[in-house]
């Protein structure tokens, strides 16, 4: 039924102006004009990210969105750090932390949070 339909991440934020500065300014996503009040739509590659104002912003304690970036994890993490993005460090089984990147086998993963505490992930090999 849905196997051929596109899906997008939807993330709740408290303030659209703050979210726009983070998602557009720091992460470098492209804002698309959707004309909806209280909603910000951003383009990331061929995907869309919908950010909307909600009183429940930041209450999700799990990863809200993941970018699969292949072998560019280290490069992207360094570029985002230069833009002021801070990365999270987790103590995970069978995983070692190298700088801001968690390594498990061939998988490399880095997590950061948006201004509302929504957890975002960069993953690759």
C-alpha atoms as a PDB file:
ATOM      1  CA  UNK A   1       0.000   0.000   0.000  1.00  0.00           C
ATOM      2  CA  UNK A   2       2.688   2.555   0.970  1.00  0.00           C
ATOM      3  CA  UNK A   3       5.765   0.870  -0.502  1.00  0.00           C
ATOM      4  CA  UNK A   4       5.954   3.275  -3.451  1.00  0.00           C
ATOM      5  CA  UNK A   5       5.131   6.446  -1.504  1.00  0.00           C
ATOM      6  CA  UNK A   6       7.781   8.867  -0.248  1.00  0.00           C
ATOM      7  CA  UNK A   7       8.111   9.448   3.484  1.00  0.00           C
ATOM      8  CA  UNK A   8       9.670  12.386   5.343  1.00  0.00           C
ATOM      9  CA  UNK A   9      10.867  13.022   8.860  1.00  0.00           C
ATOM     10  CA  UNK A  10       8.620  15.326  10.894  1.00  0.00           C
ATOM     11  CA  UNK A  11      10.175  17.119  13.858  1.00  0.00           C
ATOM     12  CA  UNK A  12       8.450  19.238  16.515  1.00  0.00           C
ATOM     13  CA  UNK A  13      10.133  22.493  17.608  1.00  0.00           C
ATOM     14  CA  UNK A  14       9.193  25.278  20.009  1.00  0.00           C
ATOM     15  CA  UNK A  15      10.186  28.213  17.804  1.00  0.00           C
ATOM     16  CA  UNK A  16      10.398  28.238  13.988  1.00  0.00           C
ATOM     17  CA  UNK A  17      12.895  31.104  13.843  1.00  0.00           C
ATOM     18  CA  UNK A  18      15.324  29.260  16.123  1.00  0.00           C
ATOM     19  CA  UNK A  19      14.745  26.029  14.189  1.00  0.00           C
ATOM     20  CA  UNK A  20      15.351  27.782  10.870  1.00  0.00           C
ATOM     21  CA  UNK A  21      18.674  29.194  12.088  1.00  0.00           C
ATOM     22  CA  UNK A  22      19.749  25.673  13.082  1.00  0.00           C
ATOM     23  CA  UNK A  23      18.417  23.592  10.191  1.00  0.00           C
ATOM     24  CA  UNK A  24      19.159  26.119   7.438  1.00  0.00           C
ATOM     25  CA  UNK A  25      22.094  28.023   8.912  1.00  0.00           C
ATOM     26  CA  UNK A  26      24.014  25.334  10.780  1.00  0.00           C
ATOM     27  CA  UNK A  27      23.009  22.126   8.985  1.00  0.00           C
ATOM     28  CA  UNK A  28      22.825  23.810   5.578  1.00  0.00           C
ATOM     29  CA  UNK A  29      19.403  22.493   4.519  1.00  0.00           C
ATOM     30  CA  UNK A  30      17.444  24.395   1.864  1.00  0.00           C
ATOM     31  CA  UNK A  31      14.166  25.985   2.976  1.00  0.00           C
ATOM     32  CA  UNK A  32      11.246  25.497   0.618  1.00  0.00           C
ATOM     33  CA  UNK A  33       8.246  27.818   0.833  1.00  0.00           C
ATOM     34  CA  UNK A  34       5.144  25.857   1.750  1.00  0.00           C
ATOM     35  CA  UNK A  35       2.992  28.825   2.846  1.00  0.00           C
ATOM     36  CA  UNK A  36       1.769  27.031   5.968  1.00  0.00           C
ATOM     37  CA  UNK A  37       1.867  29.005   9.229  1.00  0.00           C
ATOM     38  CA  UNK A  38       3.788  27.251  12.013  1.00  0.00           C
ATOM     39  CA  UNK A  39       5.516  24.916   9.540  1.00  0.00           C
ATOM     40  CA  UNK A  40       8.958  24.948   7.944  1.00  0.00           C
ATOM     41  CA  UNK A  41       9.748  22.577   5.086  1.00  0.00           C
ATOM     42  CA  UNK A  42      13.370  21.902   4.206  1.00  0.00           C
ATOM     43  CA  UNK A  43      15.034  19.983   1.393  1.00  0.00           C
ATOM     44  CA  UNK A  44      17.915  17.601   2.090  1.00  0.00           C
ATOM     45  CA  UNK A  45      19.119  15.832  -1.038  1.00  0.00           C
ATOM     46  CA  UNK A  46      16.041  14.259  -2.600  1.00  0.00           C
ATOM     47  CA  UNK A  47      14.210  14.171   0.734  1.00  0.00           C
ATOM     48  CA  UNK A  48      12.091  16.638   2.658  1.00  0.00           C
ATOM     49  CA  UNK A  49      12.097  17.464   6.360  1.00  0.00           C
ATOM     50  CA  UNK A  50       9.008  18.992   7.943  1.00  0.00           C
ATOM     51  CA  UNK A  51       9.570  21.071  11.093  1.00  0.00           C
ATOM     52  CA  UNK A  52       6.521  22.351  12.948  1.00  0.00           C
ATOM     53  CA  UNK A  53       5.772  24.253  16.142  1.00  0.00           C
ATOM     54  CA  UNK A  54       4.466  22.132  19.000  1.00  0.00           C
ATOM     55  CA  UNK A  55       4.242  22.259  22.772  1.00  0.00           C
ATOM     56  CA  UNK A  56       5.662  18.720  22.736  1.00  0.00           C
ATOM     57  CA  UNK A  57       8.952  19.733  21.065  1.00  0.00           C
ATOM     58  CA  UNK A  58      12.004  17.925  22.371  1.00  0.00           C
ATOM     59  CA  UNK A  59      10.111  15.243  24.288  1.00  0.00           C
ATOM     60  CA  UNK A  60      11.245  12.414  21.996  1.00  0.00           C
ATOM     61  CA  UNK A  61      14.280  10.733  23.601  1.00  0.00           C
ATOM     62  CA  UNK A  62      15.078   8.655  20.519  1.00  0.00           C
ATOM     63  CA  UNK A  63      16.577   9.567  17.144  1.00  0.00           C
ATOM     64  CA  UNK A  64      14.153  11.724  15.143  1.00  0.00           C
ATOM     65  CA  UNK A  65      16.001  11.832  11.818  1.00  0.00           C
ATOM     66  CA  UNK A  66      18.980  10.096  10.212  1.00  0.00           C
ATOM     67  CA  UNK A  67      21.102  11.194   7.269  1.00  0.00           C
ATOM     68  CA  UNK A  68      22.905   8.346   5.491  1.00  0.00           C
ATOM     69  CA  UNK A  69      26.119  10.059   4.385  1.00  0.00           C
ATOM     70  CA  UNK A  70      28.280   7.126   3.300  1.00  0.00           C
ATOM     71  CA  UNK A  71      32.003   7.599   3.827  1.00  0.00           C
ATOM     72  CA  UNK A  72      31.654  11.340   4.552  1.00  0.00           C
ATOM     73  CA  UNK A  73      30.765  11.043   8.250  1.00  0.00           C
ATOM     74  CA  UNK A  74      34.066  12.462   9.523  1.00  0.00           C
ATOM     75  CA  UNK A  75      34.126  15.302   6.988  1.00  0.00           C
ATOM     76  CA  UNK A  76      30.538  16.333   7.681  1.00  0.00           C
ATOM     77  CA  UNK A  77      30.979  16.161  11.463  1.00  0.00           C
ATOM     78  CA  UNK A  78      34.016  18.461  11.238  1.00  0.00           C
ATOM     79  CA  UNK A  79      32.159  20.899   8.967  1.00  0.00           C
ATOM     80  CA  UNK A  80      29.144  20.987  11.302  1.00  0.00           C
ATOM     81  CA  UNK A  81      31.381  21.476  14.355  1.00  0.00           C
ATOM     82  CA  UNK A  82      32.902  24.486  12.583  1.00  0.00           C
ATOM     83  CA  UNK A  83      29.328  25.848  12.322  1.00  0.00           C
ATOM     84  CA  UNK A  84      28.790  25.424  16.063  1.00  0.00           C
ATOM     85  CA  UNK A  85      26.997  22.065  16.143  1.00  0.00           C
ATOM     86  CA  UNK A  86      27.807  19.994  19.259  1.00  0.00           C
ATOM     87  CA  UNK A  87      27.818  16.214  19.131  1.00  0.00           C
ATOM     88  CA  UNK A  88      26.560  13.727  21.681  1.00  0.00           C
ATOM     89  CA  UNK A  89      28.593  10.844  23.133  1.00  0.00           C
ATOM     90  CA  UNK A  90      26.860   7.641  24.162  1.00  0.00           C
ATOM     91  CA  UNK A  91      28.139   4.535  25.927  1.00  0.00           C
ATOM     92  CA  UNK A  92      26.909   1.780  23.612  1.00  0.00           C
ATOM     93  CA  UNK A  93      27.787  -1.930  23.643  1.00  0.00           C
ATOM     94  CA  UNK A  94      30.394  -3.094  21.112  1.00  0.00           C
ATOM     95  CA  UNK A  95      31.028   0.525  20.106  1.00  0.00           C
ATOM     96  CA  UNK A  96      34.062   2.738  20.530  1.00  0.00           C
ATOM     97  CA  UNK A  97      34.015   6.523  20.341  1.00  0.00           C
ATOM     98  CA  UNK A  98      36.619   8.204  18.135  1.00  0.00           C
ATOM     99  CA  UNK A  99      36.304  11.942  18.683  1.00  0.00           C
ATOM    100  CA  UNK A 100      32.601  12.567  18.045  1.00  0.00           C
ATOM    101  CA  UNK A 101      32.029   9.426  15.984  1.00  0.00           C
ATOM    102  CA  UNK A 102      30.775   6.109  17.323  1.00  0.00           C
ATOM    103  CA  UNK A 103      32.318   3.140  15.509  1.00  0.00           C
ATOM    104  CA  UNK A 104      30.861  -0.359  15.507  1.00  0.00           C
ATOM    105  CA  UNK A 105      32.301  -2.697  12.898  1.00  0.00           C
ATOM    106  CA  UNK A 106      32.133  -0.821   9.586  1.00  0.00           C
ATOM    107  CA  UNK A 107      29.349   1.516  10.773  1.00  0.00           C
ATOM    108  CA  UNK A 108      30.224   5.071  11.807  1.00  0.00           C
ATOM    109  CA  UNK A 109      27.574   7.181  13.516  1.00  0.00           C
ATOM    110  CA  UNK A 110      27.424  10.653  15.058  1.00  0.00           C
ATOM    111  CA  UNK A 111      24.507  12.212  16.928  1.00  0.00           C
ATOM    112  CA  UNK A 112      23.674  15.849  17.608  1.00  0.00           C
ATOM    113  CA  UNK A 113      20.654  17.671  18.972  1.00  0.00           C
ATOM    114  CA  UNK A 114      18.703  20.582  17.568  1.00  0.00           C
ATOM    115  CA  UNK A 115      17.942  23.562  19.858  1.00  0.00           C
ATOM    116  CA  UNK A 116      14.874  21.741  21.238  1.00  0.00           C
ATOM    117  CA  UNK A 117      16.775  18.552  22.064  1.00  0.00           C
ATOM    118  CA  UNK A 118      15.568  16.500  19.096  1.00  0.00           C
ATOM    119  CA  UNK A 119      18.214  13.855  18.381  1.00  0.00           C
ATOM    120  CA  UNK A 120      19.611  13.810  14.836  1.00  0.00           C
ATOM    121  CA  UNK A 121      21.960  11.200  13.396  1.00  0.00           C
ATOM    122  CA  UNK A 122      24.635  11.047  10.703  1.00  0.00           C
ATOM    123  CA  UNK A 123      25.443   7.490   9.664  1.00  0.00           C
ATOM    124  CA  UNK A 124      27.741   5.867   7.159  1.00  0.00           C
ATOM    125  CA  UNK A 125      30.704   3.611   6.684  1.00  0.00           C
END
